Amino acid sequence: METKKEHYLNLMKLYGVYCDIFDEIYKLKTSDKEEIEKLYNNVKNNLINTKICTPDRIINAITQAACINHRYMNSYLDLAHLIIEEFHQDNKDLLYYKDQLEAIFQEKPILKVIMNDDKCTFISLIESEDFHDEIFMVPSVYPAYYESILTYLDVCCFYGSVHCFKLLRTKYNSQIRIESLELAFLGGNPDIISECLKVIRPNRHCMVNAIMSHNIDFVTYLRNEFEIEIRISICAYYKNLRAFLVYLDQTNDINTCFIYSPLFQIQSLCEYLLSQGVDFRSKDEARSALLNALGSNRLELVNLLISLGIDINAKNTFGETPFLFAVGHSSIDIIKLLIAHGVDINAKNEFDFYPIHAAVRRQSTEIVELLILHGANINVKNRPDFYPIHEAVLMDNKDMVRLLISHGADVNQKNDKGITPVYFAIMKDNKEMTELLISNGADINIKNNNGKTALDSICDYGHHKIKDFLLSKGAVHSERWLELHQPLRKCLLI
């Protein structure tokens, strides 16, 4: 078995290029088209063509990076466009974020001035108005956990805008807050960080932001000087393999590193850690590794873990199995693999939520049919009091409803309140779904537990759009409803 220093050196030899490319993406500092194309070719040749990363994973990284590196938004759009053109990906999240950013800049132009560290324009703006160093921020544009108020000084820290920062400190005595320091580790300006550290001690959010920004010097500084833990789940989420390897180098915690290694979607990394004597201390650890592999959606990683003898039916504290997670998140090939290894298809969690419910909510008729063909019970109810057919009706998924009915779903199935699928369709004024259910035997005059028919309810709640259609299909009021409303003759057809 190798020493921890050998781990780091060996893995950096294997994945140094991976680390360098993702560092360059997250720390992008160029608007030059040729440099962007050079980075694209590096990504394509070393990550995509080698099947280390899928194109959609690269787009995800670009979007993450753009959210913390606003100044180079157009460069990220150019890089994403090159990938989209060749590999036919979707970048709607990045485009949405760009629109949000432009909207906030239009609303508060001073923010764009700070982003560009335009000291002269900044001076003219703050001297020409009643300046207060306090603004309300939009969480979708700036890091989400800063929920209420940021100051202009905080924004300077986020953008690493040192000239504007110094101006606010000297002329307005703007106060450094913990948020200032946290954001400074995203902005990455050493002078700003140094100034903030004089008055504020860093916390775990500083480490998170250092990992997000892919600045390994800041990561090691926070670890060595302040003993702040490197959170390897964050390393995986932001594709910061270098920080992950630093954690391994400093702790030699092979077990924990193996648990999170599937999130990097590099099978050889998992295999390397396995070769170093991974020993799960508990079933929960083994299950966590499997869940991370399922979340990464890589068939070969899941197969690798199953080959180790991991219990694929093990439940967590909420009674949830890996299969339930897989049905909601993983590819159909992974679901087939778990079925082939004897997974319990009808294992529910503590909320009576079954895999069949997860498949219906995912709106995948392919997965639903696969589960049914392997013994899934389609007439089971979850804790929110819905059967699969109720869920499909509420989501207006007609193909799903047809599939469930064709495999024996009870079209008149009542939940605990006595509500049938057609009742839900009627209350949503969904004529097409109502007609589909009626044509398959739905009884529109079944009473709920309050003794009401669907016609009673739509009249009570003012849902009259579908009323004439129901009457044409033989809908009637309950006797009780007629007695109560006889004086007013509400909604009656005489």
Protein backbone atom coordinates (compact mmCIF):
# COMPACT_ATOMS: atom_id res chain seq x y z
CA MET A 1 0.00 0.00 0.00
CA GLU A 2 1.29 3.42 -0.92
CA THR A 3 1.95 6.36 1.39
CA LYS A 4 -0.33 9.37 1.31
CA LYS A 5 2.29 11.50 -0.50
CA GLU A 6 2.60 8.79 -3.15
CA HIS A 7 -1.19 8.87 -3.55
CA TYR A 8 -1.07 12.54 -4.44
CA LEU A 9 1.88 12.26 -6.79
CA ASN A 10 0.54 9.19 -8.58
CA LEU A 11 -2.95 10.60 -9.02
CA MET A 12 -1.67 13.97 -10.21
CA LYS A 13 0.32 12.13 -12.89
CA LEU A 14 -2.90 10.46 -14.00
CA TYR A 15 -5.26 13.40 -13.68
CA GLY A 16 -3.09 16.50 -13.86
CA VAL A 17 -4.54 17.46 -17.25
CA TYR A 18 -8.09 17.00 -15.88
CA CYS A 19 -7.26 19.29 -12.96
CA ASP A 20 -5.63 21.91 -15.19
CA ILE A 21 -8.54 22.07 -17.63
CA PHE A 22 -11.22 22.47 -14.97
CA ASP A 23 -9.08 25.02 -13.14
CA GLU A 24 -8.86 27.00 -16.37
CA ILE A 25 -12.62 26.84 -16.88
CA TYR A 26 -13.46 28.05 -13.39
CA LYS A 27 -10.69 30.70 -13.36
CA LEU A 28 -11.22 31.95 -16.91
CA LYS A 29 -9.63 35.37 -17.42
CA THR A 30 -9.72 35.95 -21.17
CA SER A 31 -12.06 37.32 -23.82
CA ASP A 32 -9.75 36.37 -26.67
CA LYS A 33 -11.57 34.17 -29.20
CA GLU A 34 -8.41 32.23 -30.05
CA GLU A 35 -7.79 31.45 -26.38
CA ILE A 36 -11.38 30.29 -25.98
CA GLU A 37 -11.05 28.00 -29.00
CA LYS A 38 -7.77 26.65 -27.64
CA LEU A 39 -9.49 25.82 -24.34
CA TYR A 40 -12.35 24.19 -26.23
CA ASN A 41 -9.97 21.95 -28.18
CA ASN A 42 -8.25 21.03 -24.94
CA VAL A 43 -11.59 20.07 -23.40
CA LYS A 44 -12.67 18.12 -26.47
CA ASN A 45 -9.43 16.19 -26.96
CA ASN A 46 -8.59 15.45 -23.33
CA LEU A 47 -11.97 15.10 -21.64
CA ILE A 48 -14.79 14.47 -24.12
CA ASN A 49 -13.10 12.34 -26.78
CA THR A 50 -11.38 10.27 -24.08
CA LYS A 51 -14.81 9.71 -22.48
CA ILE A 52 -13.57 11.01 -19.14
CA CYS A 53 -16.35 13.62 -19.23
CA THR A 54 -19.59 13.86 -21.13
CA PRO A 55 -20.40 17.09 -23.03
CA ASP A 56 -23.32 17.85 -20.70
CA ARG A 57 -20.97 17.65 -17.70
CA ILE A 58 -18.71 20.24 -19.34
CA ILE A 59 -21.71 22.50 -20.00
CA ASN A 60 -22.65 22.11 -16.33
CA ALA A 61 -19.14 23.18 -15.29
CA ILE A 62 -19.24 26.19 -17.63
CA THR A 63 -22.58 27.27 -16.15
CA GLN A 64 -21.30 26.89 -12.59
CA ALA A 65 -18.18 28.88 -13.42
CA ALA A 66 -20.13 31.67 -15.12
CA CYS A 67 -22.27 32.08 -12.00
CA ILE A 68 -19.20 33.05 -9.95
CA ASN A 69 -17.16 34.74 -12.69
CA HIS A 70 -19.60 37.28 -14.16
CA ARG A 71 -16.92 39.39 -15.80
CA TYR A 72 -16.30 36.71 -18.41
CA MET A 73 -19.90 35.69 -19.08
CA ASN A 74 -19.51 36.25 -22.83
CA SER A 75 -16.40 34.07 -22.89
CA TYR A 76 -18.33 31.27 -21.21
CA LEU A 77 -21.12 31.67 -23.75
CA ASP A 78 -18.57 31.38 -26.57
CA LEU A 79 -17.06 28.25 -25.02
CA ALA A 80 -20.48 26.69 -24.47
CA HIS A 81 -21.49 27.53 -28.05
CA LEU A 82 -18.53 25.56 -29.44
CA ILE A 83 -19.54 22.50 -27.43
CA ILE A 84 -23.21 22.86 -28.32
CA GLU A 85 -22.44 23.14 -32.03
CA GLU A 86 -20.40 19.96 -32.16
CA PHE A 87 -22.08 17.82 -29.50
CA HIS A 88 -25.68 19.11 -29.70
CA GLN A 89 -26.09 20.05 -26.05
CA ASP A 90 -28.48 22.41 -24.30
CA ASN A 91 -27.31 25.56 -22.51
CA LYS A 92 -30.66 27.01 -21.44
CA ASP A 93 -29.49 27.33 -17.81
CA LEU A 94 -26.53 29.47 -18.84
CA LEU A 95 -28.69 31.65 -21.09
CA TYR A 96 -31.26 32.08 -18.32
CA TYR A 97 -28.54 33.14 -15.88
CA LYS A 98 -27.16 35.62 -18.42
CA ASP A 99 -30.61 37.18 -18.80
CA GLN A 100 -30.97 37.42 -15.02
CA LEU A 101 -27.59 39.08 -14.73
CA GLU A 102 -28.37 41.61 -17.46
CA ALA A 103 -31.67 42.44 -15.76
CA ILE A 104 -30.02 43.21 -12.43
CA PHE A 105 -27.32 45.28 -14.16
CA GLN A 106 -30.04 47.27 -15.92
CA GLU A 107 -31.83 47.82 -12.63
CA LYS A 108 -28.62 48.76 -10.77
CA PRO A 109 -25.94 49.91 -13.26
CA ILE A 110 -23.52 50.54 -10.40
CA LEU A 111 -23.10 46.77 -10.01
CA LYS A 112 -21.68 46.44 -13.52
CA VAL A 113 -19.35 49.36 -12.81
CA ILE A 114 -18.08 47.53 -9.72
CA MET A 115 -17.71 44.30 -11.70
CA ASN A 116 -15.43 46.09 -14.16
CA ASP A 117 -13.59 47.84 -11.30
CA ASP A 118 -14.15 51.14 -13.11
CA LYS A 119 -12.97 53.51 -10.38
CA CYS A 120 -13.64 56.77 -12.26
CA THR A 121 -17.24 55.91 -13.15
CA PHE A 122 -17.78 54.51 -9.67
CA ILE A 123 -16.67 57.82 -8.12
CA SER A 124 -19.02 59.80 -10.34
CA LEU A 125 -21.95 57.54 -9.45
CA ILE A 126 -21.52 57.56 -5.70
CA GLU A 127 -20.85 61.30 -5.54
CA SER A 128 -23.87 62.24 -7.65
CA GLU A 129 -26.47 60.59 -5.45
CA ASP A 130 -27.35 60.02 -1.83
CA PHE A 131 -24.97 57.13 -1.37
CA HIS A 132 -25.63 54.37 1.15
CA ASP A 133 -23.39 51.35 1.24
CA GLU A 134 -26.28 48.91 1.41
CA ILE A 135 -28.29 47.22 -1.32
CA PHE A 136 -30.77 44.39 -1.62
CA MET A 137 -29.52 41.50 -3.68
CA VAL A 138 -31.24 38.97 -5.91
CA PRO A 139 -30.29 35.45 -4.72
CA SER A 140 -30.41 33.99 -8.25
CA VAL A 141 -27.62 36.32 -9.40
CA TYR A 142 -25.32 36.35 -6.39
CA PRO A 143 -24.47 33.31 -4.25
CA ALA A 144 -27.73 31.96 -2.92
CA TYR A 145 -26.92 31.66 0.77
CA TYR A 146 -26.55 35.44 1.13
CA GLU A 147 -30.27 35.83 1.63
CA SER A 148 -31.01 39.40 2.60
CA ILE A 149 -28.61 42.32 2.28
CA LEU A 150 -25.19 42.82 0.72
CA THR A 151 -23.20 46.02 0.74
CA TYR A 152 -21.35 47.54 -2.19
CA LEU A 153 -18.17 46.54 -0.39
CA ASP A 154 -19.37 42.92 -0.40
CA VAL A 155 -19.92 43.18 -4.15
CA CYS A 156 -16.38 44.54 -4.59
CA CYS A 157 -15.15 41.45 -2.74
CA PHE A 158 -17.22 39.14 -4.94
CA TYR A 159 -15.78 40.65 -8.12
CA GLY A 160 -12.24 41.12 -6.77
CA SER A 161 -12.57 44.82 -7.65
CA VAL A 162 -9.72 46.18 -5.56
CA HIS A 163 -9.86 49.83 -6.71
CA CYS A 164 -13.52 50.23 -5.82
CA PHE A 165 -12.90 48.30 -2.61
CA LYS A 166 -10.12 50.64 -1.49
CA LEU A 167 -12.19 53.70 -2.36
CA LEU A 168 -15.09 52.54 -0.19
CA ARG A 169 -12.76 51.72 2.68
CA THR A 170 -10.86 55.02 2.64
CA LYS A 171 -13.58 57.50 1.69
CA TYR A 172 -16.67 55.97 3.27
CA ASN A 173 -15.13 53.71 5.91
CA SER A 174 -17.30 50.84 4.64
CA GLN A 175 -17.27 48.03 7.15
CA ILE A 176 -15.84 44.61 6.41
CA ARG A 177 -18.31 41.87 7.36
CA ILE A 178 -18.10 38.09 7.40
CA GLU A 179 -19.98 38.14 4.08
CA SER A 180 -17.22 40.36 2.68
CA LEU A 181 -14.57 37.78 3.51
CA GLU A 182 -16.65 34.87 2.27
CA LEU A 183 -17.24 36.58 -1.07
CA ALA A 184 -13.61 37.62 -1.33
CA PHE A 185 -12.66 33.95 -1.65
CA LEU A 186 -14.83 33.85 -4.77
CA GLY A 187 -13.40 37.10 -6.15
CA GLY A 188 -9.89 35.81 -5.57
CA ASN A 189 -8.09 39.13 -5.12
CA PRO A 190 -5.25 38.59 -2.58
CA ASP A 191 -5.17 42.25 -1.48
CA ILE A 192 -8.87 42.25 -0.65
CA ILE A 193 -8.62 38.92 1.17
CA SER A 194 -5.63 40.15 3.16
CA GLU A 195 -7.50 43.31 4.21
CA CYS A 196 -10.58 41.32 5.25
CA LEU A 197 -8.51 38.83 7.24
CA LYS A 198 -7.25 41.67 9.43
CA VAL A 199 -10.68 42.01 11.02
CA ILE A 200 -12.57 38.77 10.30
CA ARG A 201 -11.68 35.15 10.98
CA PRO A 202 -12.59 32.83 8.09
CA ASN A 203 -15.33 30.22 8.41
CA ARG A 204 -16.39 27.10 6.52
CA HIS A 205 -18.17 29.18 3.83
CA CYS A 206 -14.79 30.66 2.98
CA MET A 207 -13.49 27.15 2.33
CA VAL A 208 -16.54 26.31 0.21
CA ASN A 209 -15.94 29.41 -1.89
CA ALA A 210 -12.23 28.73 -2.23
CA ILE A 211 -13.10 25.26 -3.55
CA MET A 212 -15.74 26.69 -5.90
CA SER A 213 -13.28 29.19 -7.35
CA HIS A 214 -10.65 26.46 -7.91
CA ASN A 215 -7.94 28.42 -6.08
CA ILE A 216 -5.82 25.71 -4.50
CA ASP A 217 -3.59 28.23 -2.72
CA PHE A 218 -6.59 29.57 -0.81
CA VAL A 219 -7.79 26.05 -0.05
CA THR A 220 -4.46 24.97 1.45
CA TYR A 221 -4.10 28.30 3.29
CA LEU A 222 -7.47 27.91 5.01
CA ARG A 223 -6.72 24.30 5.83
CA ASN A 224 -3.20 24.84 7.16
CA GLU A 225 -3.62 28.17 8.94
CA PHE A 226 -7.17 27.85 10.29
CA GLU A 227 -7.74 24.07 10.24
CA ILE A 228 -10.94 24.45 8.21
CA GLU A 229 -11.97 21.12 6.74
CA ILE A 230 -11.83 20.60 2.99
CA ARG A 231 -15.35 19.47 2.10
CA ILE A 232 -14.85 16.82 -0.52
CA SER A 233 -18.53 16.71 -1.45
CA ILE A 234 -18.11 20.34 -2.58
CA CYS A 235 -14.90 19.37 -4.39
CA ALA A 236 -16.86 16.79 -6.37
CA TYR A 237 -19.80 19.09 -7.11
CA TYR A 238 -17.52 21.78 -8.54
CA LYS A 239 -15.19 19.32 -10.30
CA ASN A 240 -12.24 20.38 -8.14
CA LEU A 241 -10.22 17.17 -8.24
CA ARG A 242 -7.04 18.98 -7.20
CA ALA A 243 -8.56 20.02 -3.86
CA PHE A 244 -9.93 16.48 -3.45
CA LEU A 245 -6.42 15.09 -3.86
CA VAL A 246 -5.04 17.62 -1.38
CA TYR A 247 -7.59 16.32 1.14
CA LEU A 248 -6.42 12.76 0.44
CA ASP A 249 -2.79 13.86 0.78
CA GLN A 250 -3.40 15.52 4.15
CA THR A 251 -5.72 12.94 5.71
CA ASN A 252 -5.03 9.63 3.96
CA ASP A 253 -8.76 9.00 4.43
CA ILE A 254 -9.13 6.43 1.66
CA ASN A 255 -12.60 5.34 2.77
CA THR A 256 -14.23 8.77 2.64
CA CYS A 257 -12.47 9.63 -0.61
CA PHE A 258 -13.75 6.43 -2.16
CA ILE A 259 -17.33 7.20 -1.08
CA TYR A 260 -17.24 10.53 -2.95
CA SER A 261 -15.01 9.45 -5.83
CA PRO A 262 -17.93 8.26 -8.05
CA LEU A 263 -19.15 11.87 -8.23
CA PHE A 264 -16.12 12.71 -10.37
CA GLN A 265 -17.34 10.07 -12.85
CA ILE A 266 -13.82 8.69 -13.37
CA GLN A 267 -13.85 4.92 -13.00
CA SER A 268 -10.07 4.60 -12.83
CA LEU A 269 -10.03 6.94 -9.82
CA CYS A 270 -12.49 4.66 -8.00
CA GLU A 271 -10.45 1.60 -8.97
CA TYR A 272 -7.24 3.20 -7.71
CA LEU A 273 -8.76 3.97 -4.32
CA LEU A 274 -10.20 0.45 -4.14
CA SER A 275 -6.74 -0.97 -4.76
CA GLN A 276 -5.50 0.89 -1.68
CA GLY A 277 -7.60 -1.18 0.69
CA VAL A 278 -10.96 0.52 1.05
CA ASP A 279 -12.71 -0.93 4.08
CA PHE A 280 -16.24 0.29 4.70
CA ARG A 281 -16.78 0.87 8.40
CA SER A 282 -20.54 0.52 8.03
CA LYS A 283 -23.28 -0.41 5.60
CA ASP A 284 -24.16 3.28 5.40
CA GLU A 285 -20.74 4.03 3.92
CA ALA A 286 -21.15 1.35 1.27
CA ARG A 287 -24.63 2.60 0.51
CA SER A 288 -23.39 6.19 0.25
CA ALA A 289 -20.80 5.14 -2.31
CA LEU A 290 -23.50 3.38 -4.34
CA LEU A 291 -25.82 6.41 -4.15
CA ASN A 292 -23.04 8.66 -5.39
CA ALA A 293 -22.41 6.27 -8.27
CA LEU A 294 -26.12 6.30 -9.11
CA GLY A 295 -26.13 10.08 -8.95
CA SER A 296 -23.19 10.23 -11.35
CA ASN A 297 -25.27 8.13 -13.78
CA ARG A 298 -22.30 6.05 -14.91
CA LEU A 299 -23.20 2.41 -15.54
CA GLU A 300 -19.66 1.10 -15.20
CA LEU A 301 -19.23 2.66 -11.74
CA VAL A 302 -22.47 1.13 -10.47
CA ASN A 303 -21.44 -2.24 -11.90
CA LEU A 304 -18.08 -1.94 -10.17
CA LEU A 305 -19.68 -1.35 -6.77
CA ILE A 306 -22.18 -4.17 -7.21
CA SER A 307 -19.28 -6.49 -8.00
CA LEU A 308 -17.89 -5.67 -4.53
CA GLY A 309 -20.99 -7.18 -2.95
CA ILE A 310 -22.67 -3.95 -1.85
CA ASP A 311 -26.23 -4.60 -0.64
CA ILE A 312 -28.42 -2.98 -3.28
CA ASN A 313 -31.51 -3.37 -1.08
CA ALA A 314 -30.05 -1.65 1.99
CA LYS A 315 -32.29 1.11 3.34
CA ASN A 316 -31.25 4.42 4.83
CA THR A 317 -32.81 6.04 7.91
CA PHE A 318 -35.81 7.10 5.81
CA GLY A 319 -36.34 3.57 4.57
CA GLU A 320 -35.20 4.52 1.07
CA THR A 321 -33.35 2.02 -1.10
CA PRO A 322 -30.77 2.81 -3.78
CA PHE A 323 -33.26 1.52 -6.35
CA LEU A 324 -35.84 4.12 -5.38
CA PHE A 325 -33.19 6.80 -5.90
CA ALA A 326 -32.11 5.27 -9.22
CA VAL A 327 -35.65 5.18 -10.62
CA GLY A 328 -35.94 8.89 -9.94
CA HIS A 329 -32.52 9.95 -11.21
CA SER A 330 -30.50 7.35 -13.11
CA SER A 331 -30.49 6.06 -16.67
CA ILE A 332 -32.67 3.15 -17.70
CA ASP A 333 -29.56 1.03 -18.27
CA ILE A 334 -28.61 1.43 -14.60
CA ILE A 335 -32.17 0.57 -13.56
CA LYS A 336 -32.00 -2.56 -15.72
CA LEU A 337 -28.67 -3.47 -14.12
CA LEU A 338 -30.13 -3.25 -10.61
CA ILE A 339 -33.15 -5.32 -11.66
CA ALA A 340 -30.83 -7.95 -13.16
CA HIS A 341 -29.10 -8.22 -9.78
CA GLY A 342 -32.33 -8.95 -7.94
CA VAL A 343 -33.31 -5.58 -6.53
CA ASP A 344 -36.62 -5.38 -4.65
CA ILE A 345 -38.83 -3.51 -7.13
CA ASN A 346 -41.60 -2.90 -4.60
CA ALA A 347 -39.47 -1.66 -1.70
CA LYS A 348 -41.04 1.53 -0.33
CA ASN A 349 -39.69 4.22 1.96
CA GLU A 350 -41.23 5.36 5.25
CA PHE A 351 -43.59 7.65 3.35
CA ASP A 352 -45.01 4.68 1.42
CA PHE A 353 -43.36 6.03 -1.70
CA TYR A 354 -42.66 3.19 -4.13
CA PRO A 355 -40.34 3.07 -7.17
CA ILE A 356 -43.44 3.04 -9.40
CA HIS A 357 -44.43 6.44 -7.97
CA ALA A 358 -40.93 7.79 -8.67
CA ALA A 359 -41.11 6.54 -12.25
CA VAL A 360 -44.54 8.12 -12.82
CA ARG A 361 -43.36 11.44 -11.38
CA ARG A 362 -40.35 11.26 -13.66
CA GLN A 363 -42.91 10.94 -16.48
CA SER A 364 -41.02 8.11 -18.13
CA THR A 365 -43.39 5.58 -19.67
CA GLU A 366 -40.35 3.48 -20.59
CA ILE A 367 -39.25 3.11 -16.98
CA VAL A 368 -42.81 2.58 -15.73
CA GLU A 369 -43.38 -0.23 -18.24
CA LEU A 370 -40.03 -1.79 -17.32
CA LEU A 371 -41.01 -1.85 -13.64
CA ILE A 372 -44.46 -3.25 -14.38
CA LEU A 373 -43.01 -6.04 -16.54
CA HIS A 374 -40.75 -6.99 -13.62
CA GLY A 375 -43.51 -7.16 -11.05
CA ALA A 376 -44.14 -3.62 -9.83
CA ASN A 377 -47.52 -3.21 -8.15
CA ILE A 378 -49.36 -0.33 -9.84
CA ASN A 379 -52.23 -0.15 -7.34
CA VAL A 380 -50.21 1.03 -4.34
CA LYS A 381 -50.77 4.29 -2.47
CA ASN A 382 -48.13 6.66 -1.11
CA ARG A 383 -48.33 8.82 2.02
CA PRO A 384 -49.62 11.93 0.21
CA ASP A 385 -52.58 9.66 -0.59
CA PHE A 386 -51.95 9.15 -4.31
CA TYR A 387 -51.95 6.03 -6.43
CA PRO A 388 -49.77 6.03 -9.57
CA ILE A 389 -52.80 6.72 -11.77
CA HIS A 390 -53.74 9.71 -9.59
CA GLU A 391 -50.20 11.09 -10.05
CA ALA A 392 -50.36 10.62 -13.83
CA VAL A 393 -53.72 12.40 -14.06
CA LEU A 394 -52.53 15.33 -11.96
CA MET A 395 -49.52 15.72 -14.27
CA ASP A 396 -51.80 15.55 -17.33
CA ASN A 397 -49.74 12.70 -18.77
CA LYS A 398 -52.22 10.92 -21.03
CA ASP A 399 -49.70 8.41 -22.36
CA MET A 400 -48.87 7.42 -18.79
CA VAL A 401 -52.55 7.05 -17.91
CA ARG A 402 -53.13 4.84 -20.97
CA LEU A 403 -50.13 2.70 -20.05
CA LEU A 404 -51.23 2.24 -16.44
CA ILE A 405 -54.79 1.37 -17.49
CA SER A 406 -53.51 -1.13 -20.07
CA HIS A 407 -51.65 -2.91 -17.27
CA GLY A 408 -54.62 -3.09 -14.95
CA ALA A 409 -54.64 0.16 -13.00
CA ASP A 410 -58.04 0.65 -11.35
CA VAL A 411 -59.55 3.62 -13.18
CA ASN A 412 -62.03 4.10 -10.30
CA GLN A 413 -59.45 3.77 -7.54
CA LYS A 414 -60.35 5.91 -4.52
CA ASN A 415 -57.82 7.47 -2.20
CA ASP A 416 -58.48 7.91 1.53
CA LYS A 417 -60.75 10.88 0.80
CA GLY A 418 -62.76 8.88 -1.69
CA ILE A 419 -61.38 10.81 -4.65
CA THR A 420 -60.99 8.99 -7.97
CA PRO A 421 -58.67 9.85 -10.89
CA VAL A 422 -61.55 11.28 -12.94
CA TYR A 423 -62.52 13.54 -10.03
CA PHE A 424 -59.01 15.09 -10.16
CA ALA A 425 -59.28 15.55 -13.92
CA ILE A 426 -62.68 17.21 -13.60
CA MET A 427 -61.55 19.56 -10.83
CA LYS A 428 -58.68 20.66 -13.09
CA ASP A 429 -61.17 21.41 -15.91
CA ASN A 430 -59.26 18.88 -17.99
CA LYS A 431 -61.78 17.77 -20.59
CA GLU A 432 -59.38 15.59 -22.62
CA MET A 433 -58.19 13.66 -19.58
CA THR A 434 -61.75 13.30 -18.31
CA GLU A 435 -62.87 11.91 -21.68
CA LEU A 436 -59.94 9.48 -21.73
CA LEU A 437 -60.84 8.15 -18.29
CA ILE A 438 -64.56 7.90 -19.09
CA SER A 439 -63.77 5.98 -22.28
CA ASN A 440 -61.85 3.51 -20.13
CA GLY A 441 -64.67 2.94 -17.67
CA ALA A 442 -64.36 5.79 -15.18
CA ASP A 443 -67.57 6.42 -13.23
CA ILE A 444 -68.11 10.19 -13.02
CA ASN A 445 -70.87 9.81 -10.44
CA ILE A 446 -68.87 8.09 -7.70
CA LYS A 447 -69.25 9.99 -4.43
CA ASN A 448 -66.28 11.04 -2.32
CA ASN A 449 -66.16 10.61 1.45
CA ASN A 450 -68.20 13.80 1.87
CA GLY A 451 -70.97 12.31 -0.20
CA LYS A 452 -70.31 14.61 -3.16
CA THR A 453 -70.18 13.73 -6.83
CA ALA A 454 -67.82 15.51 -9.22
CA LEU A 455 -70.74 17.62 -10.51
CA ASP A 456 -71.50 18.73 -6.95
CA SER A 457 -67.93 19.88 -6.45
CA ILE A 458 -67.49 21.82 -9.69
CA CYS A 459 -70.67 23.75 -8.97
CA ASP A 460 -69.59 24.46 -5.38
CA TYR A 461 -66.16 25.69 -6.49
CA GLY A 462 -67.29 27.54 -9.61
CA HIS A 463 -65.55 25.24 -12.12
CA HIS A 464 -68.20 25.59 -14.81
CA LYS A 465 -66.07 25.15 -17.96
CA ILE A 466 -66.45 21.41 -17.96
CA LYS A 467 -70.03 21.29 -16.64
CA ASP A 468 -71.87 20.94 -19.97
CA PHE A 469 -69.51 18.18 -21.05
CA LEU A 470 -70.16 16.25 -17.82
CA LEU A 471 -73.90 16.62 -18.17
CA SER A 472 -73.64 15.23 -21.70
CA LYS A 473 -71.86 12.21 -20.23
CA GLY A 474 -74.59 11.56 -17.68
CA ALA A 475 -73.20 13.35 -14.66
CA VAL A 476 -75.67 13.84 -11.82
CA HIS A 477 -75.83 15.60 -8.49
CA SER A 478 -76.05 13.70 -5.25
CA GLU A 479 -79.42 13.67 -3.48
CA ARG A 480 -77.92 15.53 -0.55
CA TRP A 481 -76.60 18.30 -2.82
CA LEU A 482 -80.01 18.65 -4.49
CA GLU A 483 -81.72 18.97 -1.12
CA LEU A 484 -79.30 21.68 0.02
CA HIS A 485 -79.49 23.71 -3.19
CA GLN A 486 -83.13 23.21 -4.15
CA PRO A 487 -84.20 26.70 -3.00
CA LEU A 488 -81.62 28.42 -5.19
CA ARG A 489 -81.77 25.95 -8.07
CA LYS A 490 -78.02 26.33 -8.45
CA CYS A 491 -76.38 24.69 -11.40
CA LEU A 492 -79.42 22.54 -12.15
CA LEU A 493 -80.56 21.47 -15.54
CA ILE A 494 -84.34 21.18 -15.56
